[in-house]
PDB file of all heavy atoms in Angstrom:
ATOM      1  N   LEU A   1       0.935   3.882 -24.830  1.00  0.00           N
ATOM      2  CA  LEU A   1       1.013   5.332 -24.597  1.00  0.00           C
ATOM      3  C   LEU A   1      -0.399   6.013 -24.864  1.00  0.00           C
ATOM      4  O   LEU A   1      -0.845   6.815 -24.157  1.00  0.00           O
ATOM      5  CB  LEU A   1       2.149   6.070 -25.332  1.00  0.00           C
ATOM      6  CG  LEU A   1       3.525   5.667 -24.859  1.00  0.00           C
ATOM      7  CD1 LEU A   1       4.565   6.214 -25.796  1.00  0.00           C
ATOM      8  CD2 LEU A   1       3.806   6.112 -23.425  1.00  0.00           C
ATOM      9  N   GLN A   2      -0.913   5.560 -25.987  1.00  0.00           N
ATOM     10  CA  GLN A   2      -2.243   6.191 -26.487  1.00  0.00           C
ATOM     11  C   GLN A   2      -3.293   5.816 -25.475  1.00  0.00           C
ATOM     12  O   GLN A   2      -4.031   6.679 -25.030  1.00  0.00           O
ATOM     13  CB  GLN A   2      -2.670   5.601 -27.795  1.00  0.00           C
ATOM     14  CG  GLN A   2      -1.793   6.095 -28.954  1.00  0.00           C
ATOM     15  CD  GLN A   2      -2.388   5.671 -30.225  1.00  0.00           C
ATOM     16  OE1 GLN A   2      -3.521   5.681 -30.540  1.00  0.00           O
ATOM     17  NE2 GLN A   2      -1.382   5.330 -31.167  1.00  0.00           N
ATOM     18  N   SER A   3      -3.316   4.585 -24.884  1.00  0.00           N
ATOM     19  CA  SER A   3      -4.313   4.299 -23.909  1.00  0.00           C
ATOM     20  C   SER A   3      -4.193   5.031 -22.570  1.00  0.00           C
ATOM     21  O   SER A   3      -5.147   5.359 -21.977  1.00  0.00           O
ATOM     22  CB  SER A   3      -4.311   2.767 -23.649  1.00  0.00           C
ATOM     23  OG  SER A   3      -3.207   2.314 -23.019  1.00  0.00           O
ATOM     24  N   LYS A   4      -2.885   5.288 -22.194  1.00  0.00           N
ATOM     25  CA  LYS A   4      -2.671   6.109 -21.023  1.00  0.00           C
ATOM     26  C   LYS A   4      -3.164   7.481 -21.215  1.00  0.00           C
ATOM     27  O   LYS A   4      -3.811   8.121 -20.222  1.00  0.00           O
ATOM     28  CB  LYS A   4      -1.303   6.089 -20.597  1.00  0.00           C
ATOM     29  CG  LYS A   4      -0.818   4.754 -20.038  1.00  0.00           C
ATOM     30  CD  LYS A   4       0.611   4.637 -19.757  1.00  0.00           C
ATOM     31  CE  LYS A   4       1.008   3.233 -19.178  1.00  0.00           C
ATOM     32  NZ  LYS A   4       2.445   3.106 -18.874  1.00  0.00           N
ATOM     33  N   VAL A   5      -3.021   8.059 -22.348  1.00  0.00           N
ATOM     34  CA  VAL A   5      -3.392   9.448 -22.574  1.00  0.00           C
ATOM     35  C   VAL A   5      -5.059   9.396 -22.691  1.00  0.00           C
ATOM     36  O   VAL A   5      -5.724  10.353 -22.103  1.00  0.00           O
ATOM     37  CB  VAL A   5      -2.808  10.066 -23.875  1.00  0.00           C
ATOM     38  CG1 VAL A   5      -3.492  11.495 -24.221  1.00  0.00           C
ATOM     39  CG2 VAL A   5      -1.330  10.234 -23.669  1.00  0.00           C
ATOM     40  N   LYS A   6      -5.522   8.373 -23.274  1.00  0.00           N
ATOM     41  CA  LYS A   6      -7.016   8.256 -23.298  1.00  0.00           C
ATOM     42  C   LYS A   6      -7.608   8.053 -21.844  1.00  0.00           C
ATOM     43  O   LYS A   6      -8.624   8.593 -21.525  1.00  0.00           O
ATOM     44  CB  LYS A   6      -7.425   7.104 -24.193  1.00  0.00           C
ATOM     45  CG  LYS A   6      -7.271   7.405 -25.649  1.00  0.00           C
ATOM     46  CD  LYS A   6      -7.691   6.174 -26.561  1.00  0.00           C
ATOM     47  CE  LYS A   6      -7.389   6.485 -28.059  1.00  0.00           C
ATOM     48  NZ  LYS A   6      -7.564   5.337 -28.835  1.00  0.00           N
ATOM     49  N   GLU A   7      -6.952   7.383 -21.030  1.00  0.00           N
ATOM     50  CA  GLU A   7      -7.320   7.151 -19.618  1.00  0.00           C
ATOM     51  C   GLU A   7      -7.211   8.596 -18.899  1.00  0.00           C
ATOM     52  O   GLU A   7      -8.102   8.821 -18.112  1.00  0.00           O
ATOM     53  CB  GLU A   7      -6.312   6.231 -18.931  1.00  0.00           C
ATOM     54  CG  GLU A   7      -6.727   5.778 -17.580  1.00  0.00           C
ATOM     55  CD  GLU A   7      -5.686   4.845 -16.917  1.00  0.00           C
ATOM     56  OE1 GLU A   7      -5.233   3.935 -17.733  1.00  0.00           O
ATOM     57  OE2 GLU A   7      -5.375   4.985 -15.727  1.00  0.00           O
ATOM     58  N   SER A   8      -6.208   9.386 -19.257  1.00  0.00           N
ATOM     59  CA  SER A   8      -6.175  10.619 -18.614  1.00  0.00           C
ATOM     60  C   SER A   8      -7.352  11.518 -19.153  1.00  0.00           C
ATOM     61  O   SER A   8      -7.833  12.301 -18.275  1.00  0.00           O
ATOM     62  CB  SER A   8      -4.845  11.294 -19.035  1.00  0.00           C
ATOM     63  OG  SER A   8      -3.782  10.701 -18.578  1.00  0.00           O
ATOM     64  N   LEU A   9      -7.651  11.428 -20.379  1.00  0.00           N
ATOM     65  CA  LEU A   9      -8.879  12.231 -20.889  1.00  0.00           C
ATOM     66  C   LEU A   9     -10.156  11.798 -20.144  1.00  0.00           C
ATOM     67  O   LEU A   9     -10.875  12.598 -19.705  1.00  0.00           O
ATOM     68  CB  LEU A   9      -9.063  11.933 -22.409  1.00  0.00           C
ATOM     69  CG  LEU A   9     -10.169  12.554 -22.986  1.00  0.00           C
ATOM     70  CD1 LEU A   9     -10.159  14.083 -22.866  1.00  0.00           C
ATOM     71  CD2 LEU A   9     -10.290  12.187 -24.507  1.00  0.00           C
ATOM     72  N   GLY A  10     -10.278  10.467 -19.959  1.00  0.00           N
ATOM     73  CA  GLY A  10     -11.554   9.889 -19.239  1.00  0.00           C
ATOM     74  C   GLY A  10     -11.454  10.478 -17.807  1.00  0.00           C
ATOM     75  O   GLY A  10     -12.557  10.946 -17.271  1.00  0.00           O
ATOM     76  N   ALA A  11     -10.317  10.531 -17.165  1.00  0.00           N
ATOM     77  CA  ALA A  11     -10.278  10.982 -15.745  1.00  0.00           C
ATOM     78  C   ALA A  11     -10.618  12.475 -15.691  1.00  0.00           C
ATOM     79  O   ALA A  11     -11.308  12.879 -14.791  1.00  0.00           O
ATOM     80  CB  ALA A  11      -8.871  10.722 -15.221  1.00  0.00           C
ATOM     81  N   THR A  12     -10.155  13.302 -16.670  1.00  0.00           N
ATOM     82  CA  THR A  12     -10.473  14.640 -16.641  1.00  0.00           C
ATOM     83  C   THR A  12     -11.939  14.961 -16.865  1.00  0.00           C
ATOM     84  O   THR A  12     -12.520  15.823 -16.366  1.00  0.00           O
ATOM     85  CB  THR A  12      -9.503  15.511 -17.584  1.00  0.00           C
ATOM     86  OG1 THR A  12      -9.791  15.023 -18.899  1.00  0.00           O
ATOM     87  CG2 THR A  12      -8.109  15.495 -17.174  1.00  0.00           C
ATOM     88  N   ARG A  13     -12.462  14.118 -17.817  1.00  0.00           N
ATOM     89  CA  ARG A  13     -13.956  14.109 -18.017  1.00  0.00           C
ATOM     90  C   ARG A  13     -14.681  13.928 -16.806  1.00  0.00           C
ATOM     91  O   ARG A  13     -15.695  14.636 -16.493  1.00  0.00           O
ATOM     92  CB  ARG A  13     -14.369  13.228 -19.158  1.00  0.00           C
ATOM     93  CG  ARG A  13     -13.999  13.679 -20.509  1.00  0.00           C
ATOM     94  CD  ARG A  13     -14.502  12.734 -21.587  1.00  0.00           C
ATOM     95  NE  ARG A  13     -14.190  13.233 -22.937  1.00  0.00           N
ATOM     96  CZ  ARG A  13     -14.147  12.521 -23.964  1.00  0.00           C
ATOM     97  NH1 ARG A  13     -14.177  11.123 -23.926  1.00  0.00           N
ATOM     98  NH2 ARG A  13     -13.850  13.002 -25.139  1.00  0.00           N
ATOM     99  N   GLU A  14     -14.292  12.965 -16.007  1.00  0.00           N
ATOM    100  CA  GLU A  14     -15.028  12.529 -14.857  1.00  0.00           C
ATOM    101  C   GLU A  14     -14.927  13.769 -13.766  1.00  0.00           C
ATOM    102  O   GLU A  14     -15.930  14.077 -13.157  1.00  0.00           O
ATOM    103  CB  GLU A  14     -14.411  11.260 -14.229  1.00  0.00           C
ATOM    104  CG  GLU A  14     -14.781   9.975 -15.043  1.00  0.00           C
ATOM    105  CD  GLU A  14     -14.105   8.757 -14.413  1.00  0.00           C
ATOM    106  OE1 GLU A  14     -13.604   8.811 -13.263  1.00  0.00           O
ATOM    107  OE2 GLU A  14     -14.053   7.800 -15.195  1.00  0.00           O
ATOM    108  N   LEU A  15     -13.754  14.126 -13.617  1.00  0.00           N
ATOM    109  CA  LEU A  15     -13.581  15.280 -12.759  1.00  0.00           C
ATOM    110  C   LEU A  15     -14.328  16.533 -13.050  1.00  0.00           C
ATOM    111  O   LEU A  15     -14.990  17.106 -12.302  1.00  0.00           O
ATOM    112  CB  LEU A  15     -12.072  15.638 -12.574  1.00  0.00           C
ATOM    113  CG  LEU A  15     -11.200  14.592 -11.860  1.00  0.00           C
ATOM    114  CD1 LEU A  15      -9.760  14.991 -11.926  1.00  0.00           C
ATOM    115  CD2 LEU A  15     -11.650  14.391 -10.408  1.00  0.00           C
ATOM    116  N   TYR A  16     -14.315  16.845 -14.252  1.00  0.00           N
ATOM    117  CA  TYR A  16     -15.044  18.141 -14.881  1.00  0.00           C
ATOM    118  C   TYR A  16     -16.426  17.821 -14.648  1.00  0.00           C
ATOM    119  O   TYR A  16     -17.179  18.772 -14.150  1.00  0.00           O
ATOM    120  CB  TYR A  16     -14.688  18.338 -16.272  1.00  0.00           C
ATOM    121  CG  TYR A  16     -15.435  19.547 -16.817  1.00  0.00           C
ATOM    122  CD1 TYR A  16     -15.072  20.831 -16.477  1.00  0.00           C
ATOM    123  CD2 TYR A  16     -16.557  19.351 -17.677  1.00  0.00           C
ATOM    124  CE1 TYR A  16     -15.790  21.874 -16.891  1.00  0.00           C
ATOM    125  CE2 TYR A  16     -17.153  20.494 -18.220  1.00  0.00           C
ATOM    126  CZ  TYR A  16     -16.911  21.791 -17.736  1.00  0.00           C
ATOM    127  OH  TYR A  16     -17.533  22.853 -18.204  1.00  0.00           O
ATOM    128  N   ALA A  17     -16.995  16.680 -14.951  1.00  0.00           N
ATOM    129  CA  ALA A  17     -18.344  16.345 -14.742  1.00  0.00           C
ATOM    130  C   ALA A  17     -18.836  16.495 -13.209  1.00  0.00           C
ATOM    131  O   ALA A  17     -19.781  17.143 -12.899  1.00  0.00           O
ATOM    132  CB  ALA A  17     -18.737  15.008 -15.200  1.00  0.00           C
ATOM    133  N   ALA A  18     -17.979  16.075 -12.320  1.00  0.00           N
ATOM    134  CA  ALA A  18     -18.331  16.086 -10.913  1.00  0.00           C
ATOM    135  C   ALA A  18     -18.294  17.635 -10.458  1.00  0.00           C
ATOM    136  O   ALA A  18     -19.199  18.036  -9.748  1.00  0.00           O
ATOM    137  CB  ALA A  18     -17.250  15.358 -10.098  1.00  0.00           C
ATOM    138  N   PHE A  19     -17.270  18.354 -10.824  1.00  0.00           N
ATOM    139  CA  PHE A  19     -17.190  19.776 -10.438  1.00  0.00           C
ATOM    140  C   PHE A  19     -18.285  20.574 -11.053  1.00  0.00           C
ATOM    141  O   PHE A  19     -18.758  21.616 -10.550  1.00  0.00           O
ATOM    142  CB  PHE A  19     -15.881  20.392 -10.706  1.00  0.00           C
ATOM    143  CG  PHE A  19     -14.766  19.802  -9.777  1.00  0.00           C
ATOM    144  CD1 PHE A  19     -13.676  19.203 -10.242  1.00  0.00           C
ATOM    145  CD2 PHE A  19     -14.862  20.084  -8.410  1.00  0.00           C
ATOM    146  CE1 PHE A  19     -12.751  18.680  -9.386  1.00  0.00           C
ATOM    147  CE2 PHE A  19     -13.941  19.565  -7.535  1.00  0.00           C
ATOM    148  CZ  PHE A  19     -12.918  18.870  -7.953  1.00  0.00           C
ATOM    149  N   SER A  20     -18.725  20.307 -12.288  1.00  0.00           N
ATOM    150  CA  SER A  20     -19.746  21.035 -13.049  1.00  0.00           C
ATOM    151  C   SER A  20     -21.076  20.997 -12.458  1.00  0.00           C
ATOM    152  O   SER A  20     -21.858  21.893 -12.470  1.00  0.00           O
ATOM    153  CB  SER A  20     -19.798  20.552 -14.527  1.00  0.00           C
ATOM    154  OG  SER A  20     -18.581  20.889 -15.167  1.00  0.00           O
ATOM    155  N   VAL A  21     -21.430  19.815 -11.927  1.00  0.00           N
ATOM    156  CA  VAL A  21     -22.834  19.690 -11.348  1.00  0.00           C
ATOM    157  C   VAL A  21     -22.901  20.082  -9.891  1.00  0.00           C
ATOM    158  O   VAL A  21     -23.969  20.332  -9.367  1.00  0.00           O
ATOM    159  CB  VAL A  21     -23.388  18.287 -11.488  1.00  0.00           C
ATOM    160  CG1 VAL A  21     -23.473  17.916 -12.957  1.00  0.00           C
ATOM    161  CG2 VAL A  21     -22.540  17.248 -10.767  1.00  0.00           C
ATOM    162  N   ALA A  22     -21.722  20.183  -9.338  1.00  0.00           N
ATOM    163  CA  ALA A  22     -21.740  20.594  -7.829  1.00  0.00           C
ATOM    164  C   ALA A  22     -22.121  22.031  -7.633  1.00  0.00           C
ATOM    165  O   ALA A  22     -21.607  22.982  -8.218  1.00  0.00           O
ATOM    166  CB  ALA A  22     -20.461  20.363  -7.118  1.00  0.00           C
ATOM    167  N   LYS A  23     -23.033  22.305  -6.694  1.00  0.00           N
ATOM    168  CA  LYS A  23     -23.407  23.705  -6.313  1.00  0.00           C
ATOM    169  C   LYS A  23     -22.575  24.140  -5.133  1.00  0.00           C
ATOM    170  O   LYS A  23     -22.488  25.294  -4.797  1.00  0.00           O
ATOM    171  CB  LYS A  23     -24.873  23.771  -6.075  1.00  0.00           C
ATOM    172  CG  LYS A  23     -25.740  23.478  -7.201  1.00  0.00           C
ATOM    173  CD  LYS A  23     -25.685  24.394  -8.317  1.00  0.00           C
ATOM    174  CE  LYS A  23     -26.680  24.138  -9.449  1.00  0.00           C
ATOM    175  NZ  LYS A  23     -26.181  24.129 -10.757  1.00  0.00           N
ATOM    176  N   SER A  24     -22.133  23.209  -4.320  1.00  0.00           N
ATOM    177  CA  SER A  24     -21.294  23.284  -3.107  1.00  0.00           C
ATOM    178  C   SER A  24     -20.321  22.204  -3.078  1.00  0.00           C
ATOM    179  O   SER A  24     -20.524  21.158  -3.647  1.00  0.00           O
ATOM    180  CB  SER A  24     -22.234  23.463  -1.905  1.00  0.00           C
ATOM    181  OG  SER A  24     -22.750  22.218  -1.560  1.00  0.00           O
ATOM    182  N   LEU A  25     -19.379  22.329  -2.153  1.00  0.00           N
ATOM    183  CA  LEU A  25     -18.433  21.259  -1.906  1.00  0.00           C
ATOM    184  C   LEU A  25     -19.106  20.053  -1.362  1.00  0.00           C
ATOM    185  O   LEU A  25     -18.645  18.927  -1.560  1.00  0.00           O
ATOM    186  CB  LEU A  25     -17.290  21.762  -1.016  1.00  0.00           C
ATOM    187  CG  LEU A  25     -16.344  22.813  -1.713  1.00  0.00           C
ATOM    188  CD1 LEU A  25     -15.339  23.333  -0.662  1.00  0.00           C
ATOM    189  CD2 LEU A  25     -15.616  22.293  -2.908  1.00  0.00           C
ATOM    190  N   GLN A  26     -20.203  20.259  -0.541  1.00  0.00           N
ATOM    191  CA  GLN A  26     -20.926  19.202  -0.043  1.00  0.00           C
ATOM    192  C   GLN A  26     -21.728  18.330  -0.997  1.00  0.00           C
ATOM    193  O   GLN A  26     -22.028  17.191  -0.859  1.00  0.00           O
ATOM    194  CB  GLN A  26     -21.994  19.680   1.003  1.00  0.00           C
ATOM    195  CG  GLN A  26     -21.352  20.134   2.316  1.00  0.00           C
ATOM    196  CD  GLN A  26     -20.718  21.485   2.123  1.00  0.00           C
ATOM    197  OE1 GLN A  26     -21.194  22.317   1.322  1.00  0.00           O
ATOM    198  NE2 GLN A  26     -19.640  21.801   2.924  1.00  0.00           N
ATOM    199  N   ASP A  27     -21.930  18.795  -2.210  1.00  0.00           N
ATOM    200  CA  ASP A  27     -22.512  18.138  -3.338  1.00  0.00           C
ATOM    201  C   ASP A  27     -21.550  17.125  -3.973  1.00  0.00           C
ATOM    202  O   ASP A  27     -22.043  16.277  -4.645  1.00  0.00           O
ATOM    203  CB  ASP A  27     -23.031  19.038  -4.542  1.00  0.00           C
ATOM    204  CG  ASP A  27     -24.171  19.952  -4.003  1.00  0.00           C
ATOM    205  OD1 ASP A  27     -24.823  19.632  -2.966  1.00  0.00           O
ATOM    206  OD2 ASP A  27     -24.470  20.957  -4.671  1.00  0.00           O
ATOM    207  N   LEU A  28     -20.311  17.288  -3.685  1.00  0.00           N
ATOM    208  CA  LEU A  28     -19.277  16.398  -4.350  1.00  0.00           C
ATOM    209  C   LEU A  28     -19.281  15.097  -3.486  1.00  0.00           C
ATOM    210  O   LEU A  28     -19.288  15.038  -2.366  1.00  0.00           O
ATOM    211  CB  LEU A  28     -17.985  16.932  -4.313  1.00  0.00           C
ATOM    212  CG  LEU A  28     -17.695  18.187  -5.105  1.00  0.00           C
ATOM    213  CD1 LEU A  28     -16.376  18.890  -4.834  1.00  0.00           C
ATOM    214  CD2 LEU A  28     -17.826  17.821  -6.657  1.00  0.00           C
ATOM    215  N   PRO A  29     -19.156  13.927  -4.232  1.00  0.00           N
ATOM    216  CA  PRO A  29     -19.010  12.725  -3.640  1.00  0.00           C
ATOM    217  C   PRO A  29     -17.692  12.680  -2.766  1.00  0.00           C
ATOM    218  O   PRO A  29     -16.702  13.407  -3.293  1.00  0.00           O
ATOM    219  CB  PRO A  29     -18.982  11.648  -4.703  1.00  0.00           C
ATOM    220  CG  PRO A  29     -19.547  12.310  -5.860  1.00  0.00           C
ATOM    221  CD  PRO A  29     -19.428  13.781  -5.766  1.00  0.00           C
TER     222      PRO A  29
END
């Protein structure tokens, strides 16, 4: 259970990082 929550944390970090650097939707992979 702990690893799944940690996996969720990692996923949200990745998503936040992607949206944070994007200046437009075209900047998103």
